């Protein structure tokens, strides 16, 4: 059993309602990546990364909802899809297993959320049509004003080829 302190700041989803500058946004990303690195370096995959599963506590962001974590090489239950559609990697939506690279895809979509303050594809119904579009390469448009390096990292995380995505 893992016990977390009460996160007074709520989830990242709630915390992002504040107007944050780029220093704050990059600090959030840094904390997220530290947490995911801790999961990946012991050979696990989270499988359900989205803004509701990162908690704001004091001045840090922590990964939560570890109930679906499993070893990276464990394909048990790979026929099941967990999570919130825009944050699920296309290869998983297409029936493939969850991998550390699919977690990285999720991080890229969370980066878009941090940047825009909205869920990717907020203007679409989360249904089979959206799933099909994501599998076929649909990605959200990079918002104006996005720092170029941040935008590039998001796009690298979204790469259709999981092997070309950055590692944590």
C-alpha atoms as a PDB file:
ATOM      1  CA  UNK A   1       0.000   0.000   0.000  1.00  0.00           C
ATOM      2  CA  UNK A   2       1.235   3.479  -0.835  1.00  0.00           C
ATOM      3  CA  UNK A   3       0.031   6.436   1.209  1.00  0.00           C
ATOM      4  CA  UNK A   4       0.261   9.963  -0.168  1.00  0.00           C
ATOM      5  CA  UNK A   5      -0.094  13.103   1.942  1.00  0.00           C
ATOM      6  CA  UNK A   6      -3.292  15.013   1.298  1.00  0.00           C
ATOM      7  CA  UNK A   7      -2.707  17.140  -1.792  1.00  0.00           C
ATOM      8  CA  UNK A   8      -4.147  20.522  -0.811  1.00  0.00           C
ATOM      9  CA  UNK A   9      -3.514  21.806  -4.324  1.00  0.00           C
ATOM     10  CA  UNK A  10      -5.601  19.015  -5.851  1.00  0.00           C
ATOM     11  CA  UNK A  11      -4.767  17.433  -9.160  1.00  0.00           C
ATOM     12  CA  UNK A  12      -2.802  19.029 -11.965  1.00  0.00           C
ATOM     13  CA  UNK A  13      -6.146  19.398 -13.718  1.00  0.00           C
ATOM     14  CA  UNK A  14      -7.370  21.633 -10.873  1.00  0.00           C
ATOM     15  CA  UNK A  15      -4.041  23.401 -10.368  1.00  0.00           C
ATOM     16  CA  UNK A  16      -3.886  24.488 -14.010  1.00  0.00           C
ATOM     17  CA  UNK A  17      -6.895  26.743 -13.464  1.00  0.00           C
ATOM     18  CA  UNK A  18      -4.376  29.237 -12.103  1.00  0.00           C
ATOM     19  CA  UNK A  19      -2.598  31.485 -14.567  1.00  0.00           C
ATOM     20  CA  UNK A  20       0.942  30.181 -14.667  1.00  0.00           C
ATOM     21  CA  UNK A  21       4.001  31.613 -16.355  1.00  0.00           C
ATOM     22  CA  UNK A  22       6.495  29.491 -18.267  1.00  0.00           C
ATOM     23  CA  UNK A  23       8.810  29.152 -15.274  1.00  0.00           C
ATOM     24  CA  UNK A  24       5.930  27.560 -13.324  1.00  0.00           C
ATOM     25  CA  UNK A  25       4.877  25.385 -16.262  1.00  0.00           C
ATOM     26  CA  UNK A  26       8.403  24.061 -16.769  1.00  0.00           C
ATOM     27  CA  UNK A  27       8.712  23.395 -13.039  1.00  0.00           C
ATOM     28  CA  UNK A  28       5.522  21.316 -13.200  1.00  0.00           C
ATOM     29  CA  UNK A  29       6.930  19.367 -16.136  1.00  0.00           C
ATOM     30  CA  UNK A  30      10.212  18.809 -14.296  1.00  0.00           C
ATOM     31  CA  UNK A  31       8.414  17.337 -11.267  1.00  0.00           C
ATOM     32  CA  UNK A  32       6.260  15.141 -13.516  1.00  0.00           C
ATOM     33  CA  UNK A  33       9.338  13.798 -15.280  1.00  0.00           C
ATOM     34  CA  UNK A  34      11.124  13.105 -11.993  1.00  0.00           C
ATOM     35  CA  UNK A  35       8.141  11.048 -10.849  1.00  0.00           C
ATOM     36  CA  UNK A  36       7.813   9.148 -14.099  1.00  0.00           C
ATOM     37  CA  UNK A  37      11.567   8.539 -14.169  1.00  0.00           C
ATOM     38  CA  UNK A  38      11.279   6.889 -10.737  1.00  0.00           C
ATOM     39  CA  UNK A  39       8.599   4.578 -12.140  1.00  0.00           C
ATOM     40  CA  UNK A  40      10.470   3.782 -15.362  1.00  0.00           C
ATOM     41  CA  UNK A  41      13.876   3.213 -13.774  1.00  0.00           C
ATOM     42  CA  UNK A  42      12.474   0.286 -11.768  1.00  0.00           C
ATOM     43  CA  UNK A  43      11.069  -1.198 -14.965  1.00  0.00           C
ATOM     44  CA  UNK A  44       7.417  -0.222 -14.591  1.00  0.00           C
ATOM     45  CA  UNK A  45       4.855   1.392 -16.876  1.00  0.00           C
ATOM     46  CA  UNK A  46       2.159   3.671 -15.380  1.00  0.00           C
ATOM     47  CA  UNK A  47      -0.515   3.049 -18.078  1.00  0.00           C
ATOM     48  CA  UNK A  48      -2.891   5.826 -16.978  1.00  0.00           C
ATOM     49  CA  UNK A  49      -1.121   9.172 -17.154  1.00  0.00           C
ATOM     50  CA  UNK A  50      -3.391  12.195 -17.456  1.00  0.00           C
ATOM     51  CA  UNK A  51      -3.727  15.516 -15.586  1.00  0.00           C
ATOM     52  CA  UNK A  52      -6.031  13.985 -12.975  1.00  0.00           C
ATOM     53  CA  UNK A  53      -3.275  11.575 -11.915  1.00  0.00           C
ATOM     54  CA  UNK A  54      -0.703  14.183 -10.956  1.00  0.00           C
ATOM     55  CA  UNK A  55      -1.204  15.786  -7.556  1.00  0.00           C
ATOM     56  CA  UNK A  56      -0.049  19.225  -6.444  1.00  0.00           C
ATOM     57  CA  UNK A  57       1.325  19.164  -2.921  1.00  0.00           C
ATOM     58  CA  UNK A  58       3.130  22.174  -1.514  1.00  0.00           C
ATOM     59  CA  UNK A  59       5.580  23.044  -4.280  1.00  0.00           C
ATOM     60  CA  UNK A  60       5.758  19.688  -6.001  1.00  0.00           C
ATOM     61  CA  UNK A  61       3.763  17.601  -8.427  1.00  0.00           C
ATOM     62  CA  UNK A  62       3.558  13.870  -7.681  1.00  0.00           C
ATOM     63  CA  UNK A  63       2.443  10.949  -9.821  1.00  0.00           C
ATOM     64  CA  UNK A  64      -0.596   9.217  -8.331  1.00  0.00           C
ATOM     65  CA  UNK A  65      -3.006   6.393  -9.132  1.00  0.00           C
ATOM     66  CA  UNK A  66      -0.341   3.723  -9.384  1.00  0.00           C
ATOM     67  CA  UNK A  67      -2.920   0.915  -9.361  1.00  0.00           C
ATOM     68  CA  UNK A  68      -2.437   0.115 -13.053  1.00  0.00           C
ATOM     69  CA  UNK A  69       1.386   0.152 -12.925  1.00  0.00           C
ATOM     70  CA  UNK A  70       2.928  -3.047 -14.162  1.00  0.00           C
ATOM     71  CA  UNK A  71       6.326  -4.294 -15.306  1.00  0.00           C
ATOM     72  CA  UNK A  72       7.283  -2.868 -18.693  1.00  0.00           C
ATOM     73  CA  UNK A  73       7.589  -6.369 -20.168  1.00  0.00           C
ATOM     74  CA  UNK A  74       4.236  -7.585 -18.779  1.00  0.00           C
ATOM     75  CA  UNK A  75       1.613  -7.773 -21.504  1.00  0.00           C
ATOM     76  CA  UNK A  76      -1.042  -9.190 -19.158  1.00  0.00           C
ATOM     77  CA  UNK A  77      -4.228  -7.272 -19.723  1.00  0.00           C
ATOM     78  CA  UNK A  78      -2.797  -5.591 -22.815  1.00  0.00           C
ATOM     79  CA  UNK A  79      -6.101  -6.158 -24.570  1.00  0.00           C
ATOM     80  CA  UNK A  80      -7.674  -3.681 -22.132  1.00  0.00           C
ATOM     81  CA  UNK A  81      -7.353   0.048 -22.671  1.00  0.00           C
ATOM     82  CA  UNK A  82      -7.161   2.259 -19.590  1.00  0.00           C
ATOM     83  CA  UNK A  83      -7.193   6.005 -19.332  1.00  0.00           C
ATOM     84  CA  UNK A  84      -8.571   9.146 -20.921  1.00  0.00           C
ATOM     85  CA  UNK A  85      -8.621   8.911 -24.736  1.00  0.00           C
ATOM     86  CA  UNK A  86      -6.468  11.942 -25.689  1.00  0.00           C
ATOM     87  CA  UNK A  87      -3.700  10.783 -23.341  1.00  0.00           C
ATOM     88  CA  UNK A  88      -3.566   7.174 -24.588  1.00  0.00           C
ATOM     89  CA  UNK A  89      -0.870   6.371 -27.134  1.00  0.00           C
ATOM     90  CA  UNK A  90      -2.110   5.479 -30.631  1.00  0.00           C
ATOM     91  CA  UNK A  91      -0.424   2.068 -30.585  1.00  0.00           C
ATOM     92  CA  UNK A  92      -2.349   1.222 -27.392  1.00  0.00           C
ATOM     93  CA  UNK A  93      -5.618   2.469 -28.898  1.00  0.00           C
ATOM     94  CA  UNK A  94      -4.812   0.202 -31.847  1.00  0.00           C
ATOM     95  CA  UNK A  95      -4.533  -2.879 -29.618  1.00  0.00           C
ATOM     96  CA  UNK A  96      -0.828  -2.820 -28.760  1.00  0.00           C
ATOM     97  CA  UNK A  97       0.651  -3.146 -25.278  1.00  0.00           C
ATOM     98  CA  UNK A  98       1.395  -0.326 -22.884  1.00  0.00           C
ATOM     99  CA  UNK A  99       5.101   0.503 -22.809  1.00  0.00           C
ATOM    100  CA  UNK A 100       7.334   3.150 -21.339  1.00  0.00           C
ATOM    101  CA  UNK A 101       7.086   4.838 -24.755  1.00  0.00           C
ATOM    102  CA  UNK A 102       3.296   4.966 -24.411  1.00  0.00           C
ATOM    103  CA  UNK A 103       3.786   6.745 -21.069  1.00  0.00           C
ATOM    104  CA  UNK A 104       6.012   9.247 -22.906  1.00  0.00           C
ATOM    105  CA  UNK A 105       3.223   9.845 -25.434  1.00  0.00           C
ATOM    106  CA  UNK A 106       0.922  10.620 -22.498  1.00  0.00           C
ATOM    107  CA  UNK A 107       3.473  13.092 -21.134  1.00  0.00           C
ATOM    108  CA  UNK A 108       3.477  14.864 -24.509  1.00  0.00           C
ATOM    109  CA  UNK A 109      -0.286  15.276 -24.338  1.00  0.00           C
ATOM    110  CA  UNK A 110      -0.055  16.470 -20.737  1.00  0.00           C
ATOM    111  CA  UNK A 111       2.509  19.020 -21.926  1.00  0.00           C
ATOM    112  CA  UNK A 112      -0.107  20.266 -24.394  1.00  0.00           C
ATOM    113  CA  UNK A 113      -2.581  20.525 -21.499  1.00  0.00           C
ATOM    114  CA  UNK A 114      -0.037  22.453 -19.395  1.00  0.00           C
ATOM    115  CA  UNK A 115       0.538  24.784 -22.336  1.00  0.00           C
ATOM    116  CA  UNK A 116      -3.084  25.385 -23.292  1.00  0.00           C
ATOM    117  CA  UNK A 117      -5.004  24.793 -20.054  1.00  0.00           C
ATOM    118  CA  UNK A 118      -7.407  22.500 -21.924  1.00  0.00           C
ATOM    119  CA  UNK A 119      -7.557  18.798 -22.640  1.00  0.00           C
ATOM    120  CA  UNK A 120      -6.382  17.849 -26.119  1.00  0.00           C
ATOM    121  CA  UNK A 121      -9.334  17.581 -28.513  1.00  0.00           C
ATOM    122  CA  UNK A 122     -11.574  19.353 -25.968  1.00  0.00           C
ATOM    123  CA  UNK A 123     -13.846  20.319 -28.861  1.00  0.00           C
ATOM    124  CA  UNK A 124     -14.412  16.720 -29.958  1.00  0.00           C
ATOM    125  CA  UNK A 125     -16.504  13.891 -28.622  1.00  0.00           C
ATOM    126  CA  UNK A 126     -14.317  11.206 -27.013  1.00  0.00           C
ATOM    127  CA  UNK A 127     -15.520   8.313 -29.118  1.00  0.00           C
ATOM    128  CA  UNK A 128     -14.447   5.719 -31.693  1.00  0.00           C
ATOM    129  CA  UNK A 129     -14.103   8.391 -34.376  1.00  0.00           C
ATOM    130  CA  UNK A 130     -11.575  10.308 -32.280  1.00  0.00           C
ATOM    131  CA  UNK A 131      -9.758   7.065 -31.455  1.00  0.00           C
ATOM    132  CA  UNK A 132      -9.511   6.238 -35.151  1.00  0.00           C
ATOM    133  CA  UNK A 133      -8.280   9.750 -35.952  1.00  0.00           C
ATOM    134  CA  UNK A 134      -5.572   9.535 -33.256  1.00  0.00           C
ATOM    135  CA  UNK A 135      -4.461   6.109 -34.495  1.00  0.00           C
ATOM    136  CA  UNK A 136      -4.235   7.626 -37.990  1.00  0.00           C
ATOM    137  CA  UNK A 137      -1.995  10.481 -36.849  1.00  0.00           C
ATOM    138  CA  UNK A 138      -4.242  13.255 -35.512  1.00  0.00           C
ATOM    139  CA  UNK A 139      -2.426  15.436 -32.978  1.00  0.00           C
ATOM    140  CA  UNK A 140      -3.476  18.763 -31.490  1.00  0.00           C
ATOM    141  CA  UNK A 141      -2.227  21.985 -33.030  1.00  0.00           C
ATOM    142  CA  UNK A 142       0.634  23.615 -31.135  1.00  0.00           C
ATOM    143  CA  UNK A 143      -0.792  26.807 -29.591  1.00  0.00           C
ATOM    144  CA  UNK A 144       0.618  30.176 -30.609  1.00  0.00           C
ATOM    145  CA  UNK A 145       3.215  31.485 -28.207  1.00  0.00           C
ATOM    146  CA  UNK A 146       4.581  28.045 -27.387  1.00  0.00           C
ATOM    147  CA  UNK A 147       8.353  28.185 -26.894  1.00  0.00           C
ATOM    148  CA  UNK A 148       9.908  26.356 -29.877  1.00  0.00           C
ATOM    149  CA  UNK A 149      11.872  23.836 -27.784  1.00  0.00           C
ATOM    150  CA  UNK A 150       8.773  22.995 -25.746  1.00  0.00           C
ATOM    151  CA  UNK A 151       6.741  22.509 -28.923  1.00  0.00           C
ATOM    152  CA  UNK A 152       9.445  20.293 -30.433  1.00  0.00           C
ATOM    153  CA  UNK A 153       9.589  18.130 -27.301  1.00  0.00           C
ATOM    154  CA  UNK A 154       5.794  17.726 -27.361  1.00  0.00           C
ATOM    155  CA  UNK A 155       5.925  16.641 -30.999  1.00  0.00           C
ATOM    156  CA  UNK A 156       8.783  14.229 -30.286  1.00  0.00           C
ATOM    157  CA  UNK A 157       6.699  12.662 -27.502  1.00  0.00           C
ATOM    158  CA  UNK A 158       3.793  12.252 -29.952  1.00  0.00           C
ATOM    159  CA  UNK A 159       5.850  10.527 -32.635  1.00  0.00           C
ATOM    160  CA  UNK A 160       3.821   7.809 -34.346  1.00  0.00           C
ATOM    161  CA  UNK A 161       6.823   5.471 -33.948  1.00  0.00           C
ATOM    162  CA  UNK A 162       7.188   4.687 -30.226  1.00  0.00           C
ATOM    163  CA  UNK A 163      10.894   3.899 -30.753  1.00  0.00           C
ATOM    164  CA  UNK A 164      11.525   7.488 -31.883  1.00  0.00           C
ATOM    165  CA  UNK A 165      10.021   9.034 -28.753  1.00  0.00           C
ATOM    166  CA  UNK A 166      12.410  10.413 -26.145  1.00  0.00           C
ATOM    167  CA  UNK A 167      13.042   8.389 -23.019  1.00  0.00           C
ATOM    168  CA  UNK A 168      12.631   9.716 -19.519  1.00  0.00           C
END
